[in-house]
């Protein structure tokens, strides 16, 4: 039993150290994603990273209220920047406390919310950001 614990612990430490070598903070106004499979964006031309923007048909303040509520339904979310048409947050993973950056930009004249969500560390997020955005979309559209 102790040997299993030590093995799992060492494996976790190795994963943590290996992923730290690829740390990248999301640059403001950068709509593209890194080449690594750890990011989704509604404004990228790369089909591997593309995700549909959210649709809105109400006032910005109402859309922002619904968006913030849907985002805060996720666990371990910290709002970093909130403006009338922009929302930026950090989401931390449960065990290793990895940070994902999530941004939403409301474009009421286009009826859209542009999205970008990216893991800061590691090479792959195993689809975590895409699944998170789709959960938020589902709540936002209710």
Protein backbone atom coordinates (compact mmCIF):
# COMPACT_ATOMS: atom_id res chain seq x y z
CA UNK A 1 0.00 0.00 0.00
CA UNK A 2 2.78 2.42 0.92
CA UNK A 3 4.67 1.53 -2.24
CA UNK A 4 1.59 2.36 -4.37
CA UNK A 5 1.25 5.70 -2.61
CA UNK A 6 4.92 6.57 -3.15
CA UNK A 7 4.71 5.54 -6.80
CA UNK A 8 1.61 7.68 -7.39
CA UNK A 9 3.14 10.60 -5.51
CA UNK A 10 6.35 10.45 -7.56
CA UNK A 11 4.34 10.18 -10.77
CA UNK A 12 2.39 13.29 -9.76
CA UNK A 13 5.57 15.20 -9.00
CA UNK A 14 7.06 14.20 -12.37
CA UNK A 15 3.91 15.37 -14.18
CA UNK A 16 3.92 18.63 -12.26
CA UNK A 17 7.56 19.34 -13.00
CA UNK A 18 7.24 18.40 -16.65
CA UNK A 19 4.22 20.60 -17.19
CA UNK A 20 5.84 23.63 -15.56
CA UNK A 21 8.32 23.74 -18.40
CA UNK A 22 5.51 24.87 -20.71
CA UNK A 23 3.97 27.66 -18.60
CA UNK A 24 2.36 30.38 -20.67
CA UNK A 25 0.19 33.25 -19.50
CA UNK A 26 -2.52 34.24 -21.95
CA UNK A 27 -1.65 37.57 -23.53
CA UNK A 28 -4.38 40.20 -23.57
CA UNK A 29 -6.10 40.59 -26.94
CA UNK A 30 -4.43 37.44 -28.28
CA UNK A 31 -7.27 35.59 -30.00
CA UNK A 32 -5.11 32.74 -31.26
CA UNK A 33 -4.04 29.64 -29.40
CA UNK A 34 -0.60 28.12 -29.01
CA UNK A 35 0.14 25.11 -31.19
CA UNK A 36 -0.34 22.85 -28.17
CA UNK A 37 -3.80 21.25 -27.65
CA UNK A 38 -4.67 23.21 -24.50
CA UNK A 39 -6.73 26.11 -25.78
CA UNK A 40 -10.00 27.02 -27.47
CA UNK A 41 -10.90 30.32 -29.11
CA UNK A 42 -13.92 31.55 -31.02
CA UNK A 43 -11.73 33.90 -33.06
CA UNK A 44 -9.00 31.57 -34.25
CA UNK A 45 -8.80 30.29 -37.80
CA UNK A 46 -7.25 27.00 -36.61
CA UNK A 47 -10.02 24.37 -36.67
CA UNK A 48 -8.32 22.33 -33.91
CA UNK A 49 -8.81 25.19 -31.45
CA UNK A 50 -11.99 26.79 -32.79
CA UNK A 51 -15.11 26.93 -30.65
CA UNK A 52 -18.39 28.63 -31.57
CA UNK A 53 -19.00 32.02 -29.92
CA UNK A 54 -22.07 32.45 -27.71
CA UNK A 55 -25.09 34.20 -29.17
CA UNK A 56 -26.82 37.09 -27.39
CA UNK A 57 -29.96 39.05 -28.18
CA UNK A 58 -30.32 41.24 -25.11
CA UNK A 59 -28.70 44.28 -23.52
CA UNK A 60 -25.02 43.91 -22.62
CA UNK A 61 -25.70 44.28 -18.90
CA UNK A 62 -28.19 41.39 -18.94
CA UNK A 63 -25.92 39.18 -21.03
CA UNK A 64 -22.98 39.94 -18.72
CA UNK A 65 -25.06 39.06 -15.66
CA UNK A 66 -26.05 35.70 -17.18
CA UNK A 67 -22.49 35.04 -18.34
CA UNK A 68 -20.96 35.79 -14.96
CA UNK A 69 -23.54 33.58 -13.25
CA UNK A 70 -22.81 30.69 -15.64
CA UNK A 71 -19.05 31.12 -15.17
CA UNK A 72 -19.28 31.22 -11.38
CA UNK A 73 -21.20 27.95 -11.47
CA UNK A 74 -17.83 26.35 -12.26
CA UNK A 75 -15.61 25.44 -9.31
CA UNK A 76 -12.44 27.30 -8.26
CA UNK A 77 -13.12 30.39 -10.40
CA UNK A 78 -11.58 33.77 -9.59
CA UNK A 79 -12.74 36.83 -11.54
CA UNK A 80 -9.63 38.83 -12.51
CA UNK A 81 -11.11 41.62 -14.64
CA UNK A 82 -14.72 42.63 -15.13
CA UNK A 83 -15.83 45.43 -17.42
CA UNK A 84 -19.20 46.15 -19.09
CA UNK A 85 -18.34 44.01 -22.14
CA UNK A 86 -15.34 41.98 -20.95
CA UNK A 87 -14.85 39.26 -18.36
CA UNK A 88 -11.58 37.51 -17.50
CA UNK A 89 -11.16 34.75 -14.94
CA UNK A 90 -8.74 32.14 -13.69
CA UNK A 91 -9.86 28.58 -13.00
CA UNK A 92 -7.64 26.36 -10.85
CA UNK A 93 -7.51 22.59 -11.06
CA UNK A 94 -8.35 20.69 -7.90
CA UNK A 95 -5.21 18.69 -7.20
CA UNK A 96 -2.20 20.39 -8.79
CA UNK A 97 -3.72 23.90 -8.79
CA UNK A 98 -2.95 24.45 -12.50
CA UNK A 99 -4.39 27.71 -13.82
CA UNK A 100 -6.57 28.09 -16.90
CA UNK A 101 -7.28 31.58 -18.21
CA UNK A 102 -10.80 32.24 -19.49
CA UNK A 103 -11.92 35.40 -21.32
CA UNK A 104 -15.25 36.55 -22.70
CA UNK A 105 -15.76 39.64 -24.87
CA UNK A 106 -19.33 40.77 -25.52
CA UNK A 107 -20.02 42.24 -28.95
CA UNK A 108 -23.68 43.30 -28.62
CA UNK A 109 -23.79 44.95 -32.06
CA UNK A 110 -22.88 41.55 -33.57
CA UNK A 111 -24.99 39.52 -31.12
CA UNK A 112 -21.94 37.54 -30.01
CA UNK A 113 -19.75 36.69 -27.07
CA UNK A 114 -16.23 35.87 -28.20
CA UNK A 115 -14.38 33.31 -26.05
CA UNK A 116 -10.85 32.21 -25.34
CA UNK A 117 -9.86 29.64 -22.74
CA UNK A 118 -6.36 28.24 -22.32
CA UNK A 119 -4.30 26.22 -19.87
CA UNK A 120 -1.18 28.05 -18.70
CA UNK A 121 0.87 24.95 -18.02
CA UNK A 122 1.56 21.70 -19.77
CA UNK A 123 1.20 20.66 -23.35
CA UNK A 124 -2.33 19.29 -23.36
CA UNK A 125 -5.38 20.02 -21.23
CA UNK A 126 -7.09 16.76 -22.34
CA UNK A 127 -10.10 18.78 -23.55
CA UNK A 128 -10.80 20.42 -20.17
CA UNK A 129 -11.14 23.96 -21.55
CA UNK A 130 -13.49 22.94 -24.37
CA UNK A 131 -15.72 20.97 -21.99
CA UNK A 132 -15.77 23.86 -19.49
CA UNK A 133 -16.81 26.37 -22.15
CA UNK A 134 -19.55 24.04 -23.38
CA UNK A 135 -20.88 23.68 -19.79
CA UNK A 136 -20.87 27.47 -19.44
CA UNK A 137 -22.62 27.79 -22.83
CA UNK A 138 -25.35 25.40 -21.72
CA UNK A 139 -26.03 27.41 -18.54
CA UNK A 140 -25.75 30.73 -20.36
CA UNK A 141 -28.34 29.71 -22.95
CA UNK A 142 -30.95 28.65 -20.36
